[in-house]
Amino acid sequence: MSRYTLTIIDTRNIQGYVYATNNLKQNIGASYNVACAAGKWVAEILPWPNNIEDIGKSEYTKDRIEDGKLAAEVLYAGGGNVVIIFKDRDYAVDFTKKYTTCILKRAPGMDFTVVHEDFDWDGQALTEVLKDLMKRSAVKKLDRCYSHPMLGAAVTAECTFSGLPATHLDKDGRLMSSEAWSKVNAAEEAEKNLSQPEGYENFFYASEFSDIASTGNRSGYIGVVHIDGNGMSKRINTIRAKYKDSSGNRDFIDEMRSFSSDIQASVESALQESMRHLINSIDTDNFTHEGIIGNEIKIKKMEEKSETKEDPKYILPFRPIVMSGDDMTFVCDGRLALTLSQYFLSTLYEKRLPDNKPFCCRAGIAVVKSHYPFSRAYSLSEDLCASAKKYINEYKKDHPNEKQDICAMDWHFAVNGVLGGGMEEIRKREYETTDSKDQELCMRPIRVFPDGDDWRTWNVFSSLAYTFKTGDEWKDRHNKIIALREALRKGSDEVKNFLSLNNGIRLPEIINQRDMNKKGFQAGRCGYFDAIEAVDFFVKLEEGK
C-alpha cells in the first residue's frame, strides 16, 4: 500500500503573536511557543512509531514510511511550519484534533492552518504534491473566517497588556489574560533552553528591555534587528526541480532535510559566534560592578547571581527573539545594532549550505526608544529589510556579470519618536536636500559582504563613522559636525561654503569618489550624512578590550 496523506501545519501571523506587547518576557515566551508548535509539541502527539530522534535539532531516525515501519514521518519542521507524511488520513485527522487541543491549551492566541492531501507514493512526485498543498495552505490562510473574541463582561477585568479578559495575576499583581500568562510561563522555559558558548557561563542574555537600553551617551535606545535569507525560495525551487517524478521522492526528502537542518545549524553557530564576539569586546578589568564596551556601554552586573566578588556575572545588552530558519530577529542596545548586525551577516556569509553557496542575508535595523511600540518597531525593521532586498536586486541588475551573492543592510534612527508614513515617504521628507538638485542624503542601504569596488559598503560607512567619532579633525567638535550636517542638508554649494569657512578643510576621502570630499556629493548622492547621523549610535566592537 503506497497511498499516504501529506499534511502541512502553517502558523499564521507569527509577527502579530510574538511582537504584540512591549514586555520582552512575553515576546520571548511567544517566540518559544511558536518554536514548540513546530517542534516538541508535534513530537509529543505524533502517532507512534515515527521517525523523530530530536525534532528540535532536526534529527531523525533512518526509518522510512515507504518501508511500512512508520505511522508518521516528519519531512522537516521549523519557522512555524511542519510537513508530515501520515500512513493514512485517519492518522492525520486524529493528529490534527490533538494538535488543535494542544495549541488552545498551551498557546491561546496562536493561529494556524492545517491542510491534508492524499497521494500515491509510487505514482506521484512528492514535489508536485507539496507544491499544490502549499498553494492550498496559502489560500486557506487568506480565506479563513476570523472569530471575534468576547472582550469581557461587566464583571471582568482587563489584562494589563492585551485588553483581553484577565484570568491571572502575575507576581507583581498585574492582571493578565490567558494568552499573556502562557507567554510569560513559556519565557521561563525558554530561559532554561538557552545555550551559552562554552567558557562564557558568566554572561546572560537580557530578559528586560531596561537591561538592553543601558546607560551612557545615548541611553534608552534599543535596536530591533530583522534578518532574512536572500533567495531561499529560489534555492528550494532548484532542489524541487531535480525531482520531477515519484522515483525521486526519498532523495527529495533527504535533500530538503539536509538544507533545512544546515540553515538552522548555521543560524545557531552565527548566534554563538556573535555572542562570543560581543563578550570578548567587554572590558571588565577596570570596573568593580560593571563591564563596559567601547568606553560607552555599561554592562550590568547580576548581583543576585554573582556568588562572590571574584565571580561576577553580567547581563548582555542583547537578546535573540526569533532564530528559526532564515527568519531571525534580535534586540540589542541601540548603539550596538549596526555593528552586531554587520558581524552577524558576515558570520552567516561564511557558512556554506548543501548547495555549496554562501548563506547570504539582508538586515533591517530600527533603532527606537525602549518604550516605542515594539510591534511598530518590528514592522519598521521589516520595511528596512525589504529596502535592503530592493538594493540587492538593483545592484544585481546593474552588475549582471557579478556572480557572487551579496549581503546588505538598511537602518533608521527613530530619535524623534512616532514615525509618520512609510520608509519611502520618510526618506523623501527627511533625507533629501533642500536645494533644487534633489540630492539624496542617504548612502544606505549598503553592501555588507563581500566588499567589491562599490563605495556604498560597510567598510566605507564604518570608517567614516569612526573618523567623525574619533578622528583628530572631528573628535569632541560636536558643533562643527552639526554645522556640516546642516550644510549637507542644503546641498553641495553650502558644503563648499562650509569647507571654505573652515580653512579649506577636506572631508574624509571615499573610494572611487574623487569629488565627494570636496562638495559632499557625487552623482546626486551624499557619502557623509549617514555616518554623521550614526556617530551617537556607533560603538565599535573590538575584541580584547
Protein backbone atom coordinates (compact mmCIF):
# COMPACT_ATOMS: atom_id res chain seq x y z
CA MET A 1 0.00 0.00 0.00
CA SER A 2 1.67 3.23 -1.15
CA ARG A 3 -1.12 5.72 -0.58
CA TYR A 4 -0.34 8.23 2.20
CA THR A 5 -1.56 11.60 3.48
CA LEU A 6 0.67 14.68 3.30
CA THR A 7 -0.06 17.31 5.95
CA ILE A 8 1.20 20.89 6.31
CA ILE A 9 0.89 22.88 9.53
CA ASP A 10 1.45 26.59 8.99
CA THR A 11 1.47 29.04 11.90
CA ARG A 12 -0.26 32.27 10.91
CA ASN A 13 0.64 35.86 11.78
CA ILE A 14 3.69 34.93 13.84
CA GLN A 15 4.74 38.58 13.98
CA GLY A 16 1.43 39.67 15.47
CA TYR A 17 1.59 36.93 18.08
CA VAL A 18 5.24 37.47 19.06
CA TYR A 19 5.57 41.26 18.93
CA ALA A 20 2.18 42.36 20.20
CA THR A 21 3.49 43.73 23.50
CA ASN A 22 6.36 45.82 24.87
CA ASN A 23 7.02 43.20 27.52
CA LEU A 24 10.22 41.41 26.48
CA LYS A 25 9.47 38.30 28.52
CA GLN A 26 6.20 37.87 26.66
CA ASN A 27 7.98 38.37 23.31
CA ILE A 28 10.49 35.71 24.31
CA GLY A 29 7.78 33.35 25.56
CA ALA A 30 5.66 33.82 22.44
CA SER A 31 8.65 33.02 20.23
CA TYR A 32 9.35 29.92 22.30
CA ASN A 33 5.71 28.82 21.92
CA VAL A 34 6.00 29.16 18.13
CA ALA A 35 9.14 27.02 18.19
CA CYS A 36 7.38 24.40 20.31
CA ALA A 37 4.36 24.41 18.00
CA ALA A 38 6.67 23.36 15.18
CA GLY A 39 8.86 21.22 17.39
CA LYS A 40 8.47 19.38 20.64
CA TRP A 41 4.66 19.62 20.85
CA VAL A 42 4.44 17.91 17.46
CA ALA A 43 6.80 15.20 18.71
CA GLU A 44 4.69 14.65 21.83
CA ILE A 45 1.42 13.94 19.99
CA LEU A 46 2.65 12.36 16.78
CA PRO A 47 1.44 8.74 16.43
CA TRP A 48 3.94 6.02 17.16
CA PRO A 49 6.04 4.70 15.53
CA ASN A 50 7.51 7.83 13.92
CA ASN A 51 10.93 8.99 12.75
CA ILE A 52 11.68 11.69 15.34
CA GLU A 53 15.01 11.49 17.12
CA ASP A 54 15.27 15.13 18.24
CA ILE A 55 12.91 17.40 16.35
CA GLY A 56 14.43 20.50 17.97
CA LYS A 57 17.75 19.71 16.31
CA SER A 58 16.21 18.36 13.10
CA GLU A 59 17.48 14.87 13.89
CA TYR A 60 15.51 11.91 12.57
CA THR A 61 15.86 8.12 12.59
CA LYS A 62 16.69 6.26 9.39
CA ASP A 63 13.26 4.59 9.31
CA ARG A 64 11.21 5.41 6.21
CA ILE A 65 7.45 5.42 5.81
CA GLU A 66 7.57 3.60 2.48
CA ASP A 67 9.14 0.59 4.26
CA GLY A 68 5.92 0.16 6.25
CA LYS A 69 7.55 0.73 9.63
CA LEU A 70 6.11 4.18 10.46
CA ALA A 71 2.70 5.63 11.22
CA ALA A 72 4.06 9.12 10.56
CA GLU A 73 7.24 10.66 9.16
CA VAL A 74 8.17 14.31 9.66
CA LEU A 75 9.78 15.63 6.49
CA TYR A 76 11.04 18.83 8.07
CA ALA A 77 9.99 21.35 10.69
CA GLY A 78 10.87 24.89 11.68
CA GLY A 79 9.91 28.54 11.28
CA GLY A 80 6.36 27.80 12.42
CA ASN A 81 5.85 25.20 9.69
CA VAL A 82 5.76 21.39 9.79
CA VAL A 83 5.42 18.94 6.90
CA ILE A 84 4.39 15.38 7.80
CA ILE A 85 3.53 12.20 5.86
CA PHE A 86 0.94 10.01 7.62
CA LYS A 87 0.28 6.36 6.91
CA ASP A 88 -3.34 7.25 6.16
CA ARG A 89 -5.84 10.07 6.57
CA ASP A 90 -7.24 8.73 9.85
CA TYR A 91 -3.85 9.22 11.48
CA ALA A 92 -3.66 12.75 10.04
CA VAL A 93 -7.12 13.76 11.25
CA ASP A 94 -6.56 12.32 14.73
CA PHE A 95 -3.24 14.14 14.99
CA THR A 96 -4.88 17.42 13.93
CA LYS A 97 -7.51 17.11 16.67
CA LYS A 98 -4.85 16.55 19.33
CA TYR A 99 -2.67 19.32 17.91
CA THR A 100 -5.54 21.82 17.95
CA THR A 101 -6.32 20.97 21.59
CA CYS A 102 -2.64 21.33 22.46
CA ILE A 103 -2.39 24.83 20.94
CA LEU A 104 -5.64 26.01 22.56
CA LYS A 105 -4.40 24.92 25.98
CA ARG A 106 -0.70 25.79 25.79
CA ALA A 107 -0.65 28.82 23.49
CA PRO A 108 -4.01 30.62 23.44
CA GLY A 109 -3.97 33.33 20.81
CA MET A 110 -1.70 31.45 18.40
CA ASP A 111 -3.29 30.94 14.99
CA PHE A 112 -2.52 28.22 12.45
CA THR A 113 -3.89 26.33 9.47
CA VAL A 114 -3.68 22.63 8.64
CA VAL A 115 -4.22 21.13 5.19
CA HIS A 116 -4.13 17.47 4.05
CA GLU A 117 -3.67 15.80 0.68
CA ASP A 118 -3.81 12.09 -0.12
CA PHE A 119 -1.25 10.96 -2.67
CA ASP A 120 0.29 7.86 -4.23
CA TRP A 121 3.95 7.49 -3.21
CA ASP A 122 4.76 5.26 -6.19
CA GLY A 123 2.80 7.24 -8.75
CA GLN A 124 3.11 10.93 -7.83
CA ALA A 125 6.07 13.25 -7.42
CA LEU A 126 6.15 14.47 -3.83
CA THR A 127 7.50 17.81 -5.05
CA GLU A 128 4.31 18.46 -7.04
CA VAL A 129 2.01 17.29 -4.24
CA LEU A 130 3.81 19.56 -1.78
CA LYS A 131 3.69 22.49 -4.19
CA ASP A 132 -0.09 22.15 -4.66
CA LEU A 133 -0.67 21.70 -0.94
CA MET A 134 1.33 24.84 -0.12
CA LYS A 135 -0.86 26.79 -2.54
CA ARG A 136 -3.96 25.44 -0.79
CA SER A 137 -2.48 26.40 2.57
CA ALA A 138 -1.85 29.97 1.35
CA VAL A 139 -5.43 30.27 0.09
CA LYS A 140 -6.80 28.87 3.34
CA LYS A 141 -4.81 31.40 5.35
CA LEU A 142 -6.31 34.26 3.35
CA ASP A 143 -9.88 32.95 3.12
CA ARG A 144 -10.48 31.72 6.63
CA CYS A 145 -13.13 33.38 8.80
CA TYR A 146 -11.88 35.31 11.80
CA SER A 147 -13.59 34.96 15.14
CA HIS A 148 -14.07 37.95 17.40
CA PRO A 149 -13.34 37.04 20.99
CA MET A 150 -15.64 38.36 23.64
CA LEU A 151 -13.76 41.18 25.33
CA GLY A 152 -15.24 40.54 28.73
CA ALA A 153 -18.40 41.45 30.54
CA ALA A 154 -19.31 43.97 33.25
CA VAL A 155 -17.81 41.75 35.94
CA THR A 156 -14.47 41.01 34.22
CA ALA A 157 -11.22 42.94 34.44
CA GLU A 158 -8.90 43.72 31.54
CA CYS A 159 -5.43 42.29 31.02
CA THR A 160 -2.75 44.93 31.64
CA PHE A 161 -1.02 44.03 28.37
CA SER A 162 -3.65 42.93 25.86
CA GLY A 163 -7.01 44.35 26.93
CA LEU A 164 -8.47 40.83 26.89
CA PRO A 165 -10.33 39.45 29.91
CA ALA A 166 -7.89 38.84 32.75
CA THR A 167 -7.61 35.33 34.11
CA HIS A 168 -4.41 35.50 36.18
CA LEU A 169 -2.32 37.74 38.41
CA ASP A 170 1.45 37.83 37.98
CA LYS A 171 3.88 38.11 40.91
CA ASP A 172 3.72 41.92 40.67
CA GLY A 173 -0.06 41.92 40.94
CA ARG A 174 -0.70 42.77 37.29
CA LEU A 175 -3.80 41.38 35.60
CA MET A 176 -3.05 39.01 32.75
CA SER A 177 -5.07 37.26 30.06
CA SER A 178 -4.60 33.56 29.34
CA GLU A 179 -2.53 34.48 26.28
CA ALA A 180 -0.19 36.78 28.21
CA TRP A 181 0.08 34.28 31.05
CA SER A 182 1.05 31.46 28.70
CA LYS A 183 3.75 33.62 27.13
CA VAL A 184 5.27 34.59 30.49
CA ASN A 185 5.36 30.96 31.60
CA ALA A 186 6.91 29.99 28.29
CA ALA A 187 9.60 32.64 28.79
CA GLU A 188 10.75 30.85 31.94
CA GLU A 189 11.03 27.62 29.98
CA ALA A 190 12.84 29.42 27.16
CA GLU A 191 15.48 30.66 29.61
CA LYS A 192 16.26 27.08 30.61
CA ASN A 193 16.75 26.08 26.98
CA LEU A 194 19.13 28.90 26.04
CA SER A 195 22.60 27.65 25.24
CA GLN A 196 25.73 29.63 26.05
CA PRO A 197 29.14 29.27 24.44
CA GLU A 198 31.50 27.09 26.41
CA GLY A 199 33.65 29.16 28.72
CA TYR A 200 31.21 32.09 28.82
CA GLU A 201 28.83 30.85 31.50
CA ASN A 202 29.08 34.14 33.45
CA PHE A 203 27.25 36.09 30.75
CA PHE A 204 23.48 36.01 30.33
CA TYR A 205 21.05 37.32 27.74
CA ALA A 206 18.84 40.21 28.82
CA SER A 207 15.24 39.42 29.71
CA GLU A 208 14.01 43.01 30.20
CA PHE A 209 14.19 45.98 27.85
CA SER A 210 15.63 48.01 30.73
CA ASP A 211 18.67 45.70 30.69
CA ILE A 212 19.15 46.33 26.98
CA ALA A 213 18.68 50.11 26.86
CA SER A 214 21.61 50.68 29.22
CA THR A 215 23.12 53.91 30.47
CA GLY A 216 25.57 56.08 28.58
CA ASN A 217 25.72 58.78 25.93
CA ARG A 218 22.52 57.72 24.15
CA SER A 219 20.58 55.93 26.86
CA GLY A 220 17.16 54.40 26.43
CA TYR A 221 17.51 53.20 22.83
CA ILE A 222 17.15 49.65 21.59
CA GLY A 223 17.92 48.20 18.19
CA VAL A 224 15.33 45.87 16.67
CA VAL A 225 17.08 43.81 14.00
CA HIS A 226 15.24 41.66 11.47
CA ILE A 227 17.34 39.40 9.22
CA ASP A 228 16.04 37.37 6.30
CA GLY A 229 17.76 34.99 3.89
CA ASN A 230 18.28 36.00 0.26
CA GLY A 231 16.75 33.93 -2.50
CA MET A 232 15.77 30.99 -0.29
CA SER A 233 12.61 30.25 -2.27
CA LYS A 234 14.68 30.12 -5.45
CA ARG A 235 17.19 27.74 -3.85
CA ILE A 236 14.40 25.47 -2.62
CA ASN A 237 12.76 25.51 -6.07
CA THR A 238 16.11 24.47 -7.52
CA ILE A 239 16.04 21.43 -5.23
CA ARG A 240 12.46 20.62 -6.18
CA ALA A 241 13.21 20.88 -9.89
CA LYS A 242 15.64 17.97 -9.62
CA TYR A 243 12.90 15.53 -8.59
CA LYS A 244 10.11 15.55 -11.14
CA ASP A 245 8.70 12.06 -10.64
CA SER A 246 7.97 9.62 -7.84
CA SER A 247 11.32 7.84 -8.15
CA GLY A 248 12.98 10.87 -6.55
CA ASN A 249 10.64 11.20 -3.57
CA ARG A 250 13.10 9.85 -0.99
CA ASP A 251 16.06 11.77 -2.40
CA PHE A 252 13.97 14.96 -2.30
CA ILE A 253 13.12 14.40 1.38
CA ASP A 254 16.77 13.76 2.25
CA GLU A 255 17.99 16.88 0.44
CA MET A 256 15.30 19.13 1.89
CA ARG A 257 16.09 17.88 5.39
CA SER A 258 19.77 18.50 4.87
CA PHE A 259 19.10 22.02 3.56
CA SER A 260 16.72 22.84 6.43
CA SER A 261 18.98 21.45 9.16
CA ASP A 262 22.06 23.20 7.75
CA ILE A 263 20.21 26.53 7.80
CA GLN A 264 19.29 26.04 11.46
CA ALA A 265 22.80 24.90 12.39
CA SER A 266 24.29 27.92 10.62
CA VAL A 267 21.99 30.31 12.48
CA GLU A 268 22.83 28.70 15.82
CA SER A 269 26.54 28.88 15.06
CA ALA A 270 26.32 32.54 13.97
CA LEU A 271 24.44 33.39 17.16
CA GLN A 272 27.06 31.72 19.34
CA GLU A 273 29.90 33.42 17.46
CA SER A 274 28.19 36.82 17.73
CA MET A 275 27.70 36.32 21.45
CA ARG A 276 31.39 35.43 21.88
CA HIS A 277 32.40 38.46 19.81
CA LEU A 278 30.27 40.74 21.97
CA ILE A 279 31.58 39.25 25.22
CA ASN A 280 35.19 39.45 24.07
CA SER A 281 34.69 43.17 23.43
CA ILE A 282 33.74 43.85 27.05
CA ASP A 283 36.31 45.36 29.39
CA THR A 284 35.62 44.05 32.90
CA ASP A 285 39.12 44.54 34.35
CA ASN A 286 38.74 48.18 35.30
CA PHE A 287 35.20 48.10 36.66
CA THR A 288 34.22 46.70 40.02
CA HIS A 289 30.48 46.48 39.43
CA GLU A 290 30.15 46.77 35.67
CA GLY A 291 31.80 45.91 32.40
CA ILE A 292 31.98 48.35 29.52
CA ILE A 293 32.00 48.25 25.72
CA GLY A 294 33.82 50.94 23.79
CA ASN A 295 34.06 53.24 26.83
CA GLU A 296 30.33 53.95 26.45
CA ILE A 297 28.05 50.99 27.05
CA LYS A 298 27.94 49.78 30.62
CA ILE A 299 27.16 46.12 31.19
CA LYS A 300 25.09 45.40 34.27
CA LYS A 301 26.35 43.03 36.90
CA MET A 302 23.83 40.44 38.10
CA GLU A 303 24.14 40.80 41.86
CA GLU A 304 21.65 38.02 42.57
CA LYS A 305 23.67 35.50 40.57
CA SER A 306 27.16 36.69 41.46
CA GLU A 307 28.01 34.43 44.37
CA THR A 308 31.26 36.23 45.15
CA LYS A 309 33.01 39.43 44.07
CA GLU A 310 35.60 37.24 42.38
CA ASP A 311 32.93 35.50 40.31
CA PRO A 312 30.85 38.33 38.75
CA LYS A 313 28.05 37.58 36.32
CA TYR A 314 26.85 40.05 33.70
CA ILE A 315 23.71 40.78 31.64
CA LEU A 316 24.41 41.25 27.95
CA PRO A 317 22.52 44.12 26.24
CA PHE A 318 21.47 41.60 23.62
CA ARG A 319 18.61 39.13 23.21
CA PRO A 320 17.72 36.78 20.36
CA ILE A 321 13.94 36.51 19.95
CA VAL A 322 13.38 34.52 16.77
CA MET A 323 16.13 32.29 15.39
CA SER A 324 14.16 29.90 13.21
CA GLY A 325 15.19 29.01 9.70
CA ASP A 326 16.29 32.01 7.65
CA ASP A 327 13.98 34.34 9.63
CA MET A 328 15.86 35.95 12.52
CA THR A 329 15.15 38.78 14.94
CA PHE A 330 17.16 40.06 17.87
CA VAL A 331 17.16 43.16 20.05
CA CYS A 332 20.21 44.90 21.49
CA ASP A 333 21.45 48.22 22.81
CA GLY A 334 20.75 50.77 20.08
CA ARG A 335 24.42 51.70 19.83
CA LEU A 336 25.37 48.10 19.05
CA ALA A 337 22.69 47.46 16.45
CA LEU A 338 24.75 48.32 13.36
CA THR A 339 27.98 46.62 14.39
CA LEU A 340 26.28 43.49 15.71
CA SER A 341 24.15 43.20 12.57
CA GLN A 342 27.21 43.53 10.35
CA TYR A 343 29.05 40.86 12.32
CA PHE A 344 26.05 38.51 12.26
CA LEU A 345 25.59 38.90 8.50
CA SER A 346 29.30 38.40 7.80
CA THR A 347 29.38 35.30 10.01
CA LEU A 348 26.40 33.80 8.19
CA TYR A 349 28.02 34.59 4.84
CA GLU A 350 30.96 32.37 5.76
CA LYS A 351 28.63 29.38 6.18
CA ARG A 352 28.04 27.10 3.23
CA LEU A 353 24.70 25.37 2.70
CA PRO A 354 24.36 21.97 0.96
CA ASP A 355 24.21 23.67 -2.48
CA ASN A 356 27.75 24.98 -1.70
CA LYS A 357 26.62 28.59 -1.85
CA PRO A 358 27.06 31.11 0.99
CA PHE A 359 24.26 31.87 3.43
CA CYS A 360 23.51 35.39 2.19
CA CYS A 361 21.09 37.55 4.15
CA ARG A 362 19.80 41.08 4.43
CA ALA A 363 19.05 43.06 7.58
CA GLY A 364 16.69 45.85 8.58
CA ILE A 365 17.60 47.74 11.75
CA ALA A 366 15.20 50.02 13.62
CA VAL A 367 16.76 51.99 16.48
CA VAL A 368 13.98 53.29 18.72
CA LYS A 369 13.30 54.37 22.29
CA SER A 370 12.78 51.41 24.59
CA HIS A 371 9.14 52.42 25.22
CA TYR A 372 8.37 52.73 21.49
CA PRO A 373 5.61 50.26 20.47
CA PHE A 374 7.51 47.08 19.80
CA SER A 375 5.17 45.84 17.08
CA ARG A 376 5.73 49.09 15.14
CA ALA A 377 9.50 48.89 15.66
CA TYR A 378 9.48 45.36 14.28
CA SER A 379 7.32 46.44 11.34
CA LEU A 380 9.83 49.20 10.62
CA SER A 381 12.70 46.71 10.69
CA GLU A 382 10.77 44.55 8.18
CA ASP A 383 10.34 47.57 5.87
CA LEU A 384 14.06 48.29 6.13
CA CYS A 385 14.85 44.65 5.38
CA ALA A 386 12.68 44.94 2.26
CA SER A 387 14.61 48.09 1.33
CA ALA A 388 17.88 46.14 1.60
CA LYS A 389 16.39 43.44 -0.65
CA LYS A 390 15.44 46.08 -3.23
CA TYR A 391 19.01 47.39 -3.15
CA ILE A 392 20.38 43.87 -3.72
CA ASN A 393 18.08 43.33 -6.71
CA GLU A 394 19.03 46.70 -8.21
CA TYR A 395 22.72 46.01 -7.66
CA LYS A 396 22.44 42.64 -9.42
CA LYS A 397 20.64 44.29 -12.32
CA ASP A 398 23.36 46.94 -12.65
CA HIS A 399 26.17 44.35 -12.31
CA PRO A 400 24.98 41.38 -14.42
CA ASN A 401 28.48 39.92 -14.68
CA GLU A 402 28.98 39.71 -10.92
CA LYS A 403 28.09 36.18 -9.92
CA GLN A 404 28.57 36.45 -6.15
CA ASP A 405 25.54 36.89 -3.92
CA ILE A 406 25.75 39.82 -1.55
CA CYS A 407 24.59 40.75 1.94
CA ALA A 408 23.09 44.17 2.59
CA MET A 409 21.56 46.22 5.38
CA ASP A 410 19.42 49.30 5.89
CA TRP A 411 18.57 51.19 9.08
CA HIS A 412 16.69 54.09 10.59
CA PHE A 413 17.20 56.02 13.82
CA ALA A 414 13.76 56.97 15.15
CA VAL A 415 15.10 59.64 17.51
CA ASN A 416 12.05 61.85 17.16
CA GLY A 417 9.54 59.30 18.40
CA VAL A 418 6.50 58.27 16.37
CA LEU A 419 7.07 57.99 12.63
CA GLY A 420 4.68 59.31 10.03
CA GLY A 421 4.31 57.41 6.76
CA GLY A 422 6.29 54.55 5.28
CA MET A 423 10.05 54.43 4.75
CA GLU A 424 9.89 55.83 1.22
CA GLU A 425 7.89 58.81 2.46
CA ILE A 426 10.25 59.30 5.43
CA ARG A 427 13.31 59.20 3.17
CA LYS A 428 11.77 61.69 0.76
CA ARG A 429 10.72 64.00 3.58
CA GLU A 430 13.82 63.85 5.79
CA TYR A 431 16.70 62.67 3.60
CA GLU A 432 16.70 64.88 0.54
CA THR A 433 18.50 68.23 0.27
CA THR A 434 16.56 71.48 0.33
CA ASP A 435 18.16 72.79 -2.88
CA SER A 436 16.65 72.18 -6.30
CA LYS A 437 19.06 69.37 -7.26
CA ASP A 438 17.10 66.61 -5.45
CA GLN A 439 20.27 65.14 -3.98
CA GLU A 440 19.91 62.10 -1.72
CA LEU A 441 21.43 62.38 1.74
CA CYS A 442 21.50 58.60 2.36
CA MET A 443 24.19 56.21 1.25
CA ARG A 444 22.16 53.37 2.81
CA PRO A 445 21.17 50.68 2.06
CA ILE A 446 24.75 49.46 1.98
CA ARG A 447 26.51 46.28 0.99
CA VAL A 448 27.95 44.36 3.92
CA PHE A 449 29.76 41.50 2.25
CA PRO A 450 31.64 40.92 0.00
CA ASP A 451 33.15 44.39 -0.35
CA GLY A 452 33.86 44.80 -4.07
CA ASP A 453 34.74 48.20 -5.55
CA ASP A 454 31.48 49.96 -4.71
CA TRP A 455 31.64 52.81 -2.19
CA ARG A 456 28.25 52.09 -0.61
CA THR A 457 29.69 49.41 1.68
CA TRP A 458 30.01 48.68 5.38
CA ASN A 459 33.77 49.26 5.33
CA VAL A 460 33.35 52.75 3.89
CA PHE A 461 30.47 53.67 6.18
CA SER A 462 32.08 52.34 9.37
CA SER A 463 35.39 54.04 8.55
CA LEU A 464 33.59 57.38 8.08
CA ALA A 465 31.53 56.97 11.26
CA TYR A 466 34.66 56.13 13.24
CA THR A 467 36.51 59.12 11.73
CA PHE A 468 33.74 61.54 12.73
CA LYS A 469 33.64 59.94 16.17
CA THR A 470 37.37 59.72 16.96
CA GLY A 471 39.38 61.45 14.19
CA ASP A 472 41.64 64.36 15.11
CA GLU A 473 39.70 66.82 12.93
CA TRP A 474 36.33 65.89 14.40
CA LYS A 475 36.66 64.34 17.86
CA ASP A 476 34.94 66.43 20.57
CA ARG A 477 33.91 69.01 17.97
CA HIS A 478 30.19 68.49 18.16
CA ASN A 479 29.24 71.95 16.88
CA LYS A 480 31.46 71.52 13.85
CA ILE A 481 29.85 68.18 12.98
CA ILE A 482 26.36 69.64 13.45
CA ALA A 483 27.28 72.55 11.15
CA LEU A 484 28.48 70.11 8.50
CA ARG A 485 25.28 68.10 8.82
CA GLU A 486 23.17 71.21 8.27
CA ALA A 487 25.30 72.20 5.28
CA LEU A 488 24.77 68.74 3.78
CA ARG A 489 21.02 69.19 4.18
CA LYS A 490 21.20 72.31 1.99
CA GLY A 491 23.26 70.76 -0.78
CA SER A 492 26.71 70.78 -2.35
CA ASP A 493 27.02 74.58 -2.71
CA GLU A 494 26.50 75.03 1.02
CA VAL A 495 29.06 72.28 1.72
CA LYS A 496 31.65 74.15 -0.34
CA ASN A 497 30.96 77.28 1.74
CA PHE A 498 31.33 75.27 4.95
CA LEU A 499 34.69 73.87 3.86
CA SER A 500 35.91 77.33 2.84
CA LEU A 501 34.86 78.89 6.15
CA ASN A 502 36.74 76.15 7.99
CA ASN A 503 40.13 76.96 6.44
CA GLY A 504 39.64 74.71 3.45
CA ILE A 505 39.29 71.52 5.48
CA ARG A 506 38.57 68.45 3.36
CA LEU A 507 36.14 65.77 4.19
CA PRO A 508 37.40 62.18 4.51
CA GLU A 509 38.13 60.59 1.13
CA ILE A 510 35.83 57.88 -0.20
CA ILE A 511 36.99 55.15 -2.56
CA ASN A 512 36.32 55.82 -6.27
CA GLN A 513 34.58 59.12 -5.44
CA ARG A 514 37.02 61.87 -6.41
CA ASP A 515 34.72 64.85 -5.86
CA MET A 516 32.89 63.57 -2.78
CA ASN A 517 35.29 65.10 -0.22
CA LYS A 518 35.18 68.48 -1.98
CA LYS A 519 31.43 69.02 -2.03
CA GLY A 520 29.89 66.18 -0.04
CA PHE A 521 28.03 64.70 -3.03
CA GLN A 522 28.74 62.80 -6.21
CA ALA A 523 26.24 61.66 -8.81
CA GLY A 524 23.43 63.09 -6.68
CA ARG A 525 24.16 61.08 -3.53
CA CYS A 526 25.80 62.10 -0.26
CA GLY A 527 28.52 59.99 1.33
CA TYR A 528 28.70 61.60 4.79
CA PHE A 529 25.24 62.26 6.20
CA ASP A 530 24.61 58.68 7.34
CA ALA A 531 27.98 58.48 9.08
CA ILE A 532 27.36 61.76 10.92
CA GLU A 533 23.86 60.70 11.97
CA ALA A 534 25.30 57.43 13.28
CA VAL A 535 28.03 58.98 15.47
CA ASP A 536 25.98 58.68 18.66
CA PHE A 537 24.76 55.21 17.65
CA PHE A 538 28.03 53.62 16.61
CA VAL A 539 30.12 51.66 19.07
CA LYS A 540 32.90 49.60 17.57
CA LEU A 541 33.27 46.04 18.86
CA GLU A 542 36.96 45.38 19.44
CA GLU A 543 37.90 42.04 20.92
CA GLY A 544 40.44 42.02 23.71
CA LYS A 545 39.19 45.26 25.22
